[in-house]
Amino acid sequence: MSELRPRNAELHGYVYLPSMLDKARHTLAGTADGYEFGCPLDHTCMARLGISPEVVIELVTKHPDDQAVLDELRARGVPRPDDIRR
C-alpha cells in the first residue's frame, strides 16, 4: 500500500478526500502507523459530504480505486466540491 497523500490532495475538486480514503484503507490493513481513520478532520470532511464513517469503510472495502469511490459517492448525492467549500 502506498503512503498517505497530503491533506491538500484533491480528487476532482474534493480536497482532502484522497488522504481520507488512504487513511481508511491503511486503517483496515493495519498499516496506519499513527494516521488512523476517524480523526476530527476526517469527520469534518464526512460531515460536509453528508456521509458516515461506515459509508467510507464500505466504499473503500468495495472499491480499490478512488474514482469508483467518488462515482458511488456522487450516485448517493454528495454535494459538489464548490458547494462544500462555501
N, C-alpha and C. Protein backbone atom coordinates (compact mmCIF):
# COMPACT_ATOMS: atom_id res chain seq x y z
N MET A 1 0.85 -1.17 0.00
CA MET A 1 0.00 0.00 0.00
C MET A 1 0.90 1.24 0.00
N SER A 2 0.48 2.25 -0.70
CA SER A 2 1.29 3.46 -0.83
C SER A 2 1.19 4.35 0.41
N GLU A 3 2.02 5.39 0.42
CA GLU A 3 2.00 6.35 1.53
C GLU A 3 0.73 7.20 1.44
N LEU A 4 0.43 7.85 2.56
CA LEU A 4 -0.72 8.75 2.58
C LEU A 4 -0.46 9.96 1.70
N ARG A 5 -1.46 10.33 0.95
CA ARG A 5 -1.35 11.57 0.18
C ARG A 5 -1.52 12.74 1.13
N PRO A 6 -1.01 13.91 0.75
CA PRO A 6 -1.11 15.08 1.63
C PRO A 6 -2.56 15.50 1.85
N ARG A 7 -2.76 16.23 2.93
CA ARG A 7 -4.12 16.68 3.26
C ARG A 7 -4.73 17.57 2.19
N ASN A 8 -3.90 18.26 1.43
CA ASN A 8 -4.45 19.15 0.40
C ASN A 8 -4.62 18.47 -0.96
N ALA A 9 -4.43 17.15 -1.01
CA ALA A 9 -4.65 16.42 -2.26
C ALA A 9 -6.14 16.50 -2.63
N GLU A 10 -6.40 16.55 -3.93
CA GLU A 10 -7.78 16.67 -4.43
C GLU A 10 -8.12 15.51 -5.35
N LEU A 11 -9.39 15.20 -5.38
CA LEU A 11 -9.93 14.24 -6.34
C LEU A 11 -11.12 14.93 -7.00
N HIS A 12 -10.91 15.38 -8.22
CA HIS A 12 -11.94 16.09 -8.98
C HIS A 12 -12.57 17.23 -8.17
N GLY A 13 -11.72 17.99 -7.49
CA GLY A 13 -12.17 19.14 -6.73
C GLY A 13 -12.48 18.88 -5.27
N TYR A 14 -12.53 17.64 -4.86
CA TYR A 14 -12.81 17.30 -3.47
C TYR A 14 -11.49 17.27 -2.70
N VAL A 15 -11.23 18.36 -1.97
CA VAL A 15 -9.99 18.46 -1.19
C VAL A 15 -10.08 17.54 0.01
N TYR A 16 -8.97 16.91 0.33
CA TYR A 16 -8.79 16.01 1.47
C TYR A 16 -9.35 14.61 1.25
N LEU A 17 -10.26 14.44 0.34
CA LEU A 17 -10.86 13.11 0.13
C LEU A 17 -9.81 12.04 -0.15
N PRO A 18 -8.81 12.26 -1.03
CA PRO A 18 -7.83 11.20 -1.27
C PRO A 18 -7.07 10.79 0.00
N SER A 19 -6.71 11.76 0.81
CA SER A 19 -5.99 11.45 2.05
C SER A 19 -6.88 10.64 3.01
N MET A 20 -8.14 11.03 3.11
CA MET A 20 -9.05 10.31 4.00
C MET A 20 -9.25 8.88 3.52
N LEU A 21 -9.37 8.68 2.21
CA LEU A 21 -9.52 7.33 1.68
C LEU A 21 -8.27 6.50 1.94
N ASP A 22 -7.09 7.12 1.79
CA ASP A 22 -5.84 6.42 2.12
C ASP A 22 -5.84 5.98 3.57
N LYS A 23 -6.23 6.89 4.47
CA LYS A 23 -6.24 6.56 5.90
C LYS A 23 -7.21 5.42 6.19
N ALA A 24 -8.36 5.44 5.55
CA ALA A 24 -9.33 4.36 5.77
C ALA A 24 -8.76 3.02 5.31
N ARG A 25 -8.14 3.02 4.14
CA ARG A 25 -7.55 1.77 3.62
C ARG A 25 -6.41 1.28 4.52
N HIS A 26 -5.54 2.20 4.94
CA HIS A 26 -4.44 1.81 5.82
C HIS A 26 -4.94 1.33 7.17
N THR A 27 -5.97 1.96 7.70
CA THR A 27 -6.53 1.52 8.98
C THR A 27 -7.08 0.10 8.85
N LEU A 28 -7.80 -0.17 7.77
CA LEU A 28 -8.33 -1.51 7.56
C LEU A 28 -7.22 -2.55 7.39
N ALA A 29 -6.11 -2.14 6.75
CA ALA A 29 -5.00 -3.06 6.51
C ALA A 29 -4.07 -3.19 7.72
N GLY A 30 -4.28 -2.35 8.73
CA GLY A 30 -3.42 -2.39 9.91
C GLY A 30 -2.07 -1.75 9.69
N THR A 31 -1.98 -0.85 8.71
CA THR A 31 -0.71 -0.20 8.37
C THR A 31 -0.78 1.32 8.53
N ALA A 32 -1.65 1.81 9.39
CA ALA A 32 -1.88 3.24 9.51
C ALA A 32 -0.72 3.99 10.18
N ASP A 33 0.08 3.32 10.99
CA ASP A 33 1.23 3.95 11.65
C ASP A 33 0.91 5.30 12.29
N GLY A 34 -0.15 5.35 13.07
CA GLY A 34 -0.49 6.57 13.78
C GLY A 34 -1.40 7.51 13.02
N TYR A 35 -1.71 7.20 11.79
CA TYR A 35 -2.61 8.03 10.99
C TYR A 35 -3.93 7.29 10.77
N GLU A 36 -4.58 6.99 11.87
CA GLU A 36 -5.80 6.21 11.84
C GLU A 36 -6.96 7.01 11.24
N PHE A 37 -7.82 6.30 10.53
CA PHE A 37 -9.05 6.89 10.01
C PHE A 37 -9.96 7.24 11.17
N GLY A 38 -10.61 8.38 11.08
CA GLY A 38 -11.58 8.78 12.09
C GLY A 38 -11.17 9.97 12.93
N CYS A 39 -10.12 10.68 12.51
CA CYS A 39 -9.69 11.88 13.24
C CYS A 39 -10.71 13.00 13.02
N PRO A 40 -10.61 14.10 13.77
CA PRO A 40 -11.55 15.20 13.61
C PRO A 40 -11.62 15.75 12.18
N LEU A 41 -10.49 15.80 11.46
CA LEU A 41 -10.52 16.29 10.09
C LEU A 41 -11.31 15.33 9.19
N ASP A 42 -11.16 14.03 9.41
CA ASP A 42 -11.96 13.05 8.66
C ASP A 42 -13.45 13.29 8.91
N HIS A 43 -13.80 13.51 10.16
CA HIS A 43 -15.22 13.72 10.50
C HIS A 43 -15.75 15.02 9.91
N THR A 44 -14.92 16.04 9.84
CA THR A 44 -15.34 17.29 9.20
C THR A 44 -15.61 17.06 7.72
N CYS A 45 -14.71 16.34 7.07
CA CYS A 45 -14.89 16.02 5.65
C CYS A 45 -16.17 15.22 5.43
N MET A 46 -16.37 14.20 6.24
CA MET A 46 -17.57 13.38 6.09
C MET A 46 -18.83 14.18 6.36
N ALA A 47 -18.79 15.07 7.34
CA ALA A 47 -19.96 15.89 7.64
C ALA A 47 -20.31 16.79 6.45
N ARG A 48 -19.30 17.36 5.83
CA ARG A 48 -19.55 18.21 4.66
C ARG A 48 -20.10 17.40 3.49
N LEU A 49 -19.68 16.16 3.38
CA LEU A 49 -20.18 15.29 2.32
C LEU A 49 -21.54 14.68 2.67
N GLY A 50 -21.89 14.69 3.96
CA GLY A 50 -23.14 14.10 4.39
C GLY A 50 -23.10 12.58 4.45
N ILE A 51 -21.93 12.04 4.80
CA ILE A 51 -21.78 10.59 4.88
C ILE A 51 -21.23 10.21 6.26
N SER A 52 -21.31 8.94 6.56
CA SER A 52 -20.84 8.43 7.84
C SER A 52 -19.53 7.67 7.66
N PRO A 53 -18.81 7.42 8.76
CA PRO A 53 -17.61 6.60 8.67
C PRO A 53 -17.90 5.21 8.09
N GLU A 54 -19.05 4.68 8.41
CA GLU A 54 -19.42 3.36 7.90
C GLU A 54 -19.51 3.35 6.37
N VAL A 55 -19.98 4.45 5.80
CA VAL A 55 -20.06 4.55 4.34
C VAL A 55 -18.67 4.56 3.74
N VAL A 56 -17.77 5.32 4.33
CA VAL A 56 -16.39 5.37 3.82
C VAL A 56 -15.76 3.98 3.88
N ILE A 57 -15.90 3.31 5.00
CA ILE A 57 -15.33 1.96 5.14
C ILE A 57 -15.96 1.01 4.12
N GLU A 58 -17.26 1.07 3.97
CA GLU A 58 -17.95 0.23 2.98
C GLU A 58 -17.39 0.46 1.58
N LEU A 59 -17.23 1.72 1.20
CA LEU A 59 -16.81 2.03 -0.16
C LEU A 59 -15.34 1.70 -0.42
N VAL A 60 -14.46 1.95 0.54
CA VAL A 60 -13.05 1.61 0.29
C VAL A 60 -12.84 0.10 0.32
N THR A 61 -13.70 -0.62 1.03
CA THR A 61 -13.65 -2.08 1.02
C THR A 61 -14.15 -2.62 -0.32
N LYS A 62 -15.16 -1.99 -0.85
CA LYS A 62 -15.80 -2.42 -2.09
C LYS A 62 -15.00 -2.01 -3.34
N HIS A 63 -14.39 -0.83 -3.30
CA HIS A 63 -13.72 -0.28 -4.48
C HIS A 63 -12.23 -0.04 -4.21
N PRO A 64 -11.35 -0.65 -4.99
CA PRO A 64 -9.91 -0.46 -4.80
C PRO A 64 -9.39 0.88 -5.32
N ASP A 65 -10.17 1.57 -6.13
CA ASP A 65 -9.67 2.84 -6.68
C ASP A 65 -10.58 4.00 -6.27
N ASP A 66 -9.96 5.16 -6.16
CA ASP A 66 -10.66 6.35 -5.69
C ASP A 66 -11.78 6.79 -6.62
N GLN A 67 -11.57 6.67 -7.92
CA GLN A 67 -12.60 7.12 -8.86
C GLN A 67 -13.90 6.35 -8.66
N ALA A 68 -13.80 5.06 -8.42
CA ALA A 68 -15.00 4.26 -8.19
C ALA A 68 -15.70 4.68 -6.89
N VAL A 69 -14.90 5.01 -5.86
CA VAL A 69 -15.48 5.50 -4.61
C VAL A 69 -16.21 6.82 -4.88
N LEU A 70 -15.56 7.73 -5.59
CA LEU A 70 -16.19 9.02 -5.88
C LEU A 70 -17.44 8.84 -6.72
N ASP A 71 -17.40 7.96 -7.70
CA ASP A 71 -18.59 7.72 -8.52
C ASP A 71 -19.76 7.27 -7.66
N GLU A 72 -19.49 6.38 -6.71
CA GLU A 72 -20.58 5.92 -5.85
C GLU A 72 -21.04 7.01 -4.88
N LEU A 73 -20.10 7.80 -4.38
CA LEU A 73 -20.49 8.92 -3.52
C LEU A 73 -21.40 9.89 -4.27
N ARG A 74 -21.04 10.18 -5.52
CA ARG A 74 -21.87 11.07 -6.33
C ARG A 74 -23.25 10.45 -6.57
N ALA A 75 -23.28 9.15 -6.82
CA ALA A 75 -24.56 8.47 -7.02
C ALA A 75 -25.43 8.54 -5.76
N ARG A 76 -24.79 8.64 -4.61
CA ARG A 76 -25.51 8.75 -3.33
C ARG A 76 -25.87 10.19 -3.01
N GLY A 77 -25.46 11.12 -3.87
CA GLY A 77 -25.90 12.50 -3.74
C GLY A 77 -25.03 13.43 -2.92
N VAL A 78 -23.73 13.15 -2.81
CA VAL A 78 -22.87 14.09 -2.08
C VAL A 78 -22.85 15.45 -2.80
N PRO A 79 -22.66 16.53 -2.06
CA PRO A 79 -22.63 17.85 -2.68
C PRO A 79 -21.45 18.01 -3.63
N ARG A 80 -21.59 18.94 -4.55
CA ARG A 80 -20.49 19.26 -5.46
C ARG A 80 -19.36 19.92 -4.67
N PRO A 81 -18.12 19.81 -5.14
CA PRO A 81 -16.98 20.39 -4.41
C PRO A 81 -17.16 21.88 -4.11
N ASP A 82 -17.66 22.64 -5.06
CA ASP A 82 -17.82 24.07 -4.83
C ASP A 82 -18.83 24.37 -3.74
N ASP A 83 -19.83 23.52 -3.59
CA ASP A 83 -20.84 23.72 -2.55
C ASP A 83 -20.30 23.43 -1.16
N ILE A 84 -19.32 22.55 -1.08
CA ILE A 84 -18.72 22.19 0.21
C ILE A 84 -17.80 23.28 0.72
N ARG A 85 -17.15 23.97 -0.18
CA ARG A 85 -16.14 24.98 0.19
C ARG A 85 -16.76 26.27 0.70
N ARG A 86 -18.02 26.46 0.59
CA ARG A 86 -18.66 27.71 0.99
C ARG A 86 -18.78 27.85 2.47
